Amino acid sequence: MNKIFTTLSIVAIGIASYAAPAFTHEEAYVKGEKAFQSGNYEEALTSLNSAISVASDRYKYFYLRALVNKNLERPEEAIADFTRAINLKPAAEALYERGVIHLGNGDMDAAKSDFEDVEMVGNNFKNIQYYLGLIYYRAGVHEYAIKSFNKYVALTGGDGETFYYLGLAQASLKWYDAAIENLNKALPYKKNNLLIHVKMYDLYVQMNKPEKAIESLTTMIEMSSGSKRSDYYMERSLLFAQLGNIEKANADRAKSRQGTASVFSEM
């Protein structure tokens, strides 16, 4: 009898150990989280897939898997997982991350919707104001772009990209002084950006400030070569002529012709 009882006990223990999973979904999640933090994204994905296959009602599982897919450069899979996470809990962090991916994909309407939802939830994502400004700027809604960029500057102190787009938005509304001020603020961050100097030159011409336009053209000449440099010399010669400085106008005109001749000789 004892032998039978012992045998049944051993069999029961064997069945129980065979039926029990190797790990729980919580353990699989923790394993995936550690792999994610270590940059082992494929390993993290495998663990999170296991966790979700058992428990598909956990916000944090889908949110973390979305971040993994984002780092694996799988934007569509990331968006799908952020959406599943948001459906379980409309948290600001998931809305923000999904909005960033939509923006990267060029889906401005979807990005705008997500960022505005984050604002409604209440958040600490300062970058949202920059992203909204960029969306409004690209949509041609420049006054809203300026408001968002200014909010971002107030929160962070600003950076080269923000001052650049803020200046462009203000220039579009013919707010010339403010545009020049912000484009100048962008220069320390973007010293080799020819486009800033070209825009400032254009603004100075519209403001009828030939001396300042000449300053911008001088920088443009230094940063350019070939036919473009010849064109800038010719434009500067016209401004010197406008100011009555015929000597410098003639000198620039000669440099322009010399540069053009050099370009043709190389063809």
Protein backbone atom coordinates (compact mmCIF):
# COMPACT_ATOMS: atom_id res chain seq x y z
CA MET A 1 0.00 0.00 0.00
CA ASN A 2 2.82 2.36 0.90
CA LYS A 3 4.49 1.54 -2.37
CA ILE A 4 1.34 2.44 -4.29
CA PHE A 5 0.97 5.74 -2.40
CA THR A 6 4.61 6.61 -3.02
CA THR A 7 4.31 5.81 -6.70
CA LEU A 8 1.17 7.94 -7.07
CA SER A 9 2.86 10.83 -5.28
CA ILE A 10 5.84 10.71 -7.62
CA VAL A 11 3.56 10.62 -10.68
CA ALA A 12 1.51 13.56 -9.34
CA ILE A 13 4.63 15.62 -8.72
CA GLY A 14 5.90 14.80 -12.20
CA ILE A 15 2.62 15.85 -13.82
CA ALA A 16 2.52 19.07 -11.81
CA SER A 17 6.06 19.99 -12.75
CA TYR A 18 5.35 19.22 -16.40
CA ALA A 19 2.14 21.28 -16.47
CA ALA A 20 3.59 24.31 -14.72
CA PRO A 21 4.94 26.96 -17.12
CA ALA A 22 8.65 27.69 -17.06
CA PHE A 23 7.85 31.27 -16.06
CA THR A 24 4.85 33.54 -15.57
CA HIS A 25 3.91 36.40 -17.86
CA GLU A 26 5.12 38.84 -15.20
CA GLU A 27 8.51 37.15 -15.21
CA ALA A 28 8.57 37.23 -19.01
CA TYR A 29 7.82 40.94 -18.90
CA VAL A 30 10.62 41.61 -16.40
CA LYS A 31 13.00 39.61 -18.56
CA GLY A 32 11.94 41.65 -21.60
CA GLU A 33 12.33 44.90 -19.67
CA LYS A 34 15.90 44.01 -18.66
CA ALA A 35 16.77 43.03 -22.22
CA PHE A 36 15.31 46.33 -23.49
CA GLN A 37 17.33 48.35 -20.99
CA SER A 38 20.46 46.49 -22.12
CA GLY A 39 19.72 47.23 -25.78
CA ASN A 40 18.99 43.57 -26.62
CA TYR A 41 15.83 44.40 -28.54
CA GLU A 42 15.28 41.08 -30.31
CA GLU A 43 15.56 39.23 -27.00
CA ALA A 44 13.20 41.76 -25.43
CA LEU A 45 10.70 41.23 -28.23
CA THR A 46 10.71 37.48 -27.73
CA SER A 47 10.07 37.81 -24.00
CA LEU A 48 7.33 40.39 -24.44
CA ASN A 49 5.63 38.27 -27.10
CA SER A 50 5.52 35.46 -24.54
CA ALA A 51 4.10 37.75 -21.86
CA ILE A 52 1.41 39.15 -24.17
CA SER A 53 0.43 35.69 -25.43
CA VAL A 54 -0.62 34.88 -21.85
CA ALA A 55 -1.87 38.30 -20.70
CA SER A 56 -3.15 40.60 -23.45
CA ASP A 57 -4.76 43.12 -21.13
CA ARG A 58 -1.66 44.80 -19.70
CA TYR A 59 -0.93 48.38 -20.78
CA LYS A 60 2.74 48.21 -19.85
CA TYR A 61 3.32 45.06 -21.91
CA PHE A 62 2.11 46.68 -25.13
CA TYR A 63 3.79 50.01 -24.30
CA LEU A 64 7.18 48.39 -23.79
CA ARG A 65 6.82 46.20 -26.89
CA ALA A 66 5.97 49.35 -28.85
CA LEU A 67 9.21 50.95 -27.64
CA VAL A 68 11.09 47.81 -28.65
CA ASN A 69 9.57 47.92 -32.14
CA LYS A 70 10.40 51.61 -32.35
CA ASN A 71 14.04 50.87 -31.59
CA LEU A 72 14.00 48.04 -34.11
CA GLU A 73 12.80 50.62 -36.68
CA ARG A 74 9.46 48.93 -37.18
CA PRO A 75 7.20 52.00 -37.08
CA GLU A 76 3.98 50.30 -38.15
CA GLU A 77 4.33 47.60 -35.49
CA ALA A 78 5.21 50.26 -32.93
CA ILE A 79 2.13 52.33 -33.83
CA ALA A 80 -0.07 49.22 -33.55
CA ASP A 81 1.28 48.44 -30.08
CA PHE A 82 1.04 52.04 -28.87
CA THR A 83 -2.57 52.02 -30.09
CA ARG A 84 -3.31 48.80 -28.15
CA ALA A 85 -1.70 50.35 -25.07
CA ILE A 86 -3.73 53.57 -25.48
CA ASN A 87 -6.95 51.56 -25.85
CA LEU A 88 -6.20 49.96 -22.49
CA LYS A 89 -5.15 53.23 -20.87
CA PRO A 90 -4.96 56.61 -22.71
CA ALA A 91 -1.69 57.59 -21.04
CA ALA A 92 0.26 60.66 -22.13
CA GLU A 93 3.51 58.75 -22.65
CA ALA A 94 2.01 56.40 -25.26
CA LEU A 95 0.16 59.22 -27.04
CA TYR A 96 3.38 61.21 -27.17
CA GLU A 97 5.46 58.35 -28.54
CA ARG A 98 2.84 57.49 -31.16
CA GLY A 99 2.67 61.15 -32.17
CA VAL A 100 6.44 61.26 -32.69
CA ILE A 101 6.26 58.25 -35.03
CA HIS A 102 3.33 59.75 -36.94
CA LEU A 103 5.36 62.94 -37.35
CA GLY A 104 8.34 60.96 -38.63
CA ASN A 105 6.04 59.21 -41.12
CA GLY A 106 4.75 62.57 -42.36
CA ASP A 107 1.24 61.96 -41.03
CA MET A 108 0.75 65.47 -39.67
CA ASP A 109 -2.94 65.14 -38.84
CA ALA A 110 -2.43 62.02 -36.74
CA ALA A 111 0.62 63.53 -35.02
CA LYS A 112 -1.26 66.75 -34.26
CA SER A 113 -4.18 64.78 -32.81
CA ASP A 114 -1.90 62.76 -30.51
CA PHE A 115 0.06 65.78 -29.29
CA GLU A 116 -3.09 67.76 -28.60
CA ASP A 117 -4.49 64.78 -26.65
CA VAL A 118 -1.30 64.72 -24.59
CA GLU A 119 -1.82 68.40 -23.77
CA MET A 120 -5.35 67.66 -22.61
CA VAL A 121 -4.18 64.83 -20.36
CA GLY A 122 -1.56 67.07 -18.77
CA ASN A 123 2.08 66.20 -19.26
CA ASN A 124 5.75 66.94 -18.79
CA PHE A 125 6.67 66.49 -22.44
CA LYS A 126 8.19 69.87 -23.29
CA ASN A 127 9.06 68.74 -26.83
CA ILE A 128 5.37 68.66 -27.72
CA GLN A 129 5.33 72.42 -28.19
CA TYR A 130 8.22 72.15 -30.67
CA TYR A 131 6.51 69.33 -32.56
CA LEU A 132 3.20 71.20 -32.68
CA GLY A 133 5.02 74.28 -33.94
CA LEU A 134 6.63 72.23 -36.69
CA ILE A 135 3.29 70.70 -37.66
CA TYR A 136 1.58 74.08 -37.80
CA TYR A 137 4.49 75.55 -39.76
CA ARG A 138 4.40 72.79 -42.37
CA ALA A 139 0.63 73.20 -42.62
CA GLY A 140 1.09 76.93 -43.25
CA VAL A 141 -0.71 77.93 -40.04
CA HIS A 142 2.11 80.27 -39.06
CA GLU A 143 0.47 82.15 -36.19
CA TYR A 144 -0.20 78.89 -34.34
CA ALA A 145 3.32 77.74 -35.17
CA ILE A 146 4.75 80.89 -33.59
CA LYS A 147 2.66 80.41 -30.43
CA SER A 148 3.87 76.83 -30.03
CA PHE A 149 7.51 77.67 -30.71
CA ASN A 150 7.36 80.55 -28.23
CA LYS A 151 5.92 78.20 -25.59
CA TYR A 152 8.77 75.78 -26.24
CA VAL A 153 11.35 78.57 -25.93
CA ALA A 154 9.74 79.69 -22.65
CA LEU A 155 9.95 76.12 -21.31
CA THR A 156 13.43 75.20 -22.51
CA GLY A 157 15.32 78.33 -23.53
CA GLY A 158 15.16 77.27 -27.16
CA ASP A 159 17.62 75.72 -29.60
CA GLY A 160 18.82 76.18 -33.17
CA GLU A 161 15.98 74.35 -34.88
CA THR A 162 13.31 76.16 -32.87
CA PHE A 163 14.75 79.63 -33.49
CA TYR A 164 15.19 78.77 -37.18
CA TYR A 165 11.59 77.70 -37.75
CA LEU A 166 10.28 80.45 -35.50
CA GLY A 167 12.13 82.97 -37.66
CA LEU A 168 10.80 81.42 -40.86
CA ALA A 169 7.22 81.48 -39.55
CA GLN A 170 7.57 85.12 -38.55
CA ALA A 171 9.08 85.96 -41.93
CA SER A 172 6.06 84.38 -43.64
CA LEU A 173 3.85 86.83 -41.73
CA LYS A 174 6.21 89.70 -42.62
CA TRP A 175 7.22 90.16 -38.98
CA TYR A 176 10.65 91.13 -40.24
CA ASP A 177 12.34 92.38 -37.06
CA ALA A 178 11.24 89.37 -35.00
CA ALA A 179 12.24 87.02 -37.83
CA ILE A 180 15.73 88.54 -38.08
CA GLU A 181 16.12 88.36 -34.30
CA ASN A 182 15.32 84.65 -34.15
CA LEU A 183 17.33 83.73 -37.24
CA ASN A 184 20.30 85.46 -35.60
CA LYS A 185 19.66 83.36 -32.49
CA ALA A 186 19.76 80.23 -34.64
CA LEU A 187 23.17 81.07 -36.12
CA PRO A 188 25.34 79.96 -33.16
CA TYR A 189 23.73 76.53 -33.41
CA LYS A 190 23.84 76.37 -37.21
CA LYS A 191 26.99 78.28 -38.18
CA ASN A 192 27.42 76.57 -41.54
CA ASN A 193 23.78 76.79 -42.59
CA LEU A 194 23.79 78.84 -45.79
CA LEU A 195 19.99 78.90 -45.91
CA ILE A 196 19.80 81.10 -42.80
CA HIS A 197 22.02 83.74 -44.40
CA VAL A 198 20.07 83.52 -47.66
CA LYS A 199 16.81 84.08 -45.77
CA MET A 200 18.26 86.95 -43.79
CA TYR A 201 19.54 88.54 -47.01
CA ASP A 202 16.08 88.25 -48.54
CA LEU A 203 14.52 89.85 -45.44
CA TYR A 204 17.01 92.73 -45.41
CA VAL A 205 16.22 93.42 -49.07
CA GLN A 206 12.49 93.49 -48.30
CA MET A 207 13.17 95.79 -45.35
CA ASN A 208 15.26 98.05 -47.63
CA LYS A 209 18.38 97.66 -45.52
CA PRO A 210 21.12 97.33 -48.18
CA GLU A 211 24.01 97.57 -45.70
CA LYS A 212 22.71 94.61 -43.72
CA ALA A 213 21.93 92.75 -46.94
CA ILE A 214 25.55 93.23 -47.98
CA GLU A 215 26.70 91.69 -44.69
CA SER A 216 24.61 88.60 -45.38
CA LEU A 217 25.81 88.41 -48.98
CA THR A 218 29.43 88.62 -47.84
CA THR A 219 28.92 85.56 -45.65
CA MET A 220 27.08 83.82 -48.48
CA ILE A 221 30.01 84.47 -50.82
CA GLU A 222 32.45 83.01 -48.28
CA MET A 223 30.33 79.89 -47.91
CA SER A 224 29.73 79.33 -51.65
CA SER A 225 31.66 78.40 -54.76
CA GLY A 226 31.26 78.15 -58.51
CA SER A 227 28.35 79.78 -60.33
CA LYS A 228 26.44 80.45 -57.11
CA ARG A 229 29.33 82.51 -55.78
CA SER A 230 29.41 84.48 -59.05
CA ASP A 231 25.69 85.20 -58.70
CA TYR A 232 26.21 86.49 -55.16
CA TYR A 233 29.04 88.77 -56.30
CA MET A 234 26.71 90.24 -58.92
CA GLU A 235 23.93 90.77 -56.37
CA ARG A 236 26.35 92.47 -54.00
CA SER A 237 27.63 94.71 -56.81
CA LEU A 238 24.05 95.93 -57.36
CA LEU A 239 23.70 96.78 -53.68
CA PHE A 240 27.01 98.65 -53.64
CA ALA A 241 25.81 100.58 -56.69
CA GLN A 242 22.54 101.36 -54.86
CA LEU A 243 24.62 102.85 -52.02
CA GLY A 244 26.71 104.88 -54.49
CA ASN A 245 29.90 102.88 -53.91
CA ILE A 246 30.80 102.48 -57.57
CA GLU A 247 34.33 101.25 -56.90
CA LYS A 248 33.17 98.25 -54.90
CA ALA A 249 30.29 97.66 -57.31
CA ASN A 250 32.72 97.45 -60.24
CA ALA A 251 35.08 95.20 -58.28
CA ASP A 252 32.29 92.75 -57.48
CA ARG A 253 31.03 92.82 -61.06
CA ALA A 254 34.52 91.92 -62.26
CA LYS A 255 34.72 89.06 -59.74
CA SER A 256 31.34 87.83 -60.92
CA ARG A 257 32.44 87.79 -64.56
CA GLN A 258 35.74 86.14 -63.65
CA GLY A 259 33.94 83.46 -61.67
CA THR A 260 31.48 82.81 -64.50
CA ALA A 261 34.33 82.52 -67.02
CA SER A 262 36.11 80.07 -64.72
CA VAL A 263 33.00 77.92 -64.45
CA PHE A 264 32.61 77.75 -68.25
CA SER A 265 36.31 76.95 -68.74
CA GLU A 266 35.93 73.92 -66.49
CA MET A 267 32.99 72.52 -68.47
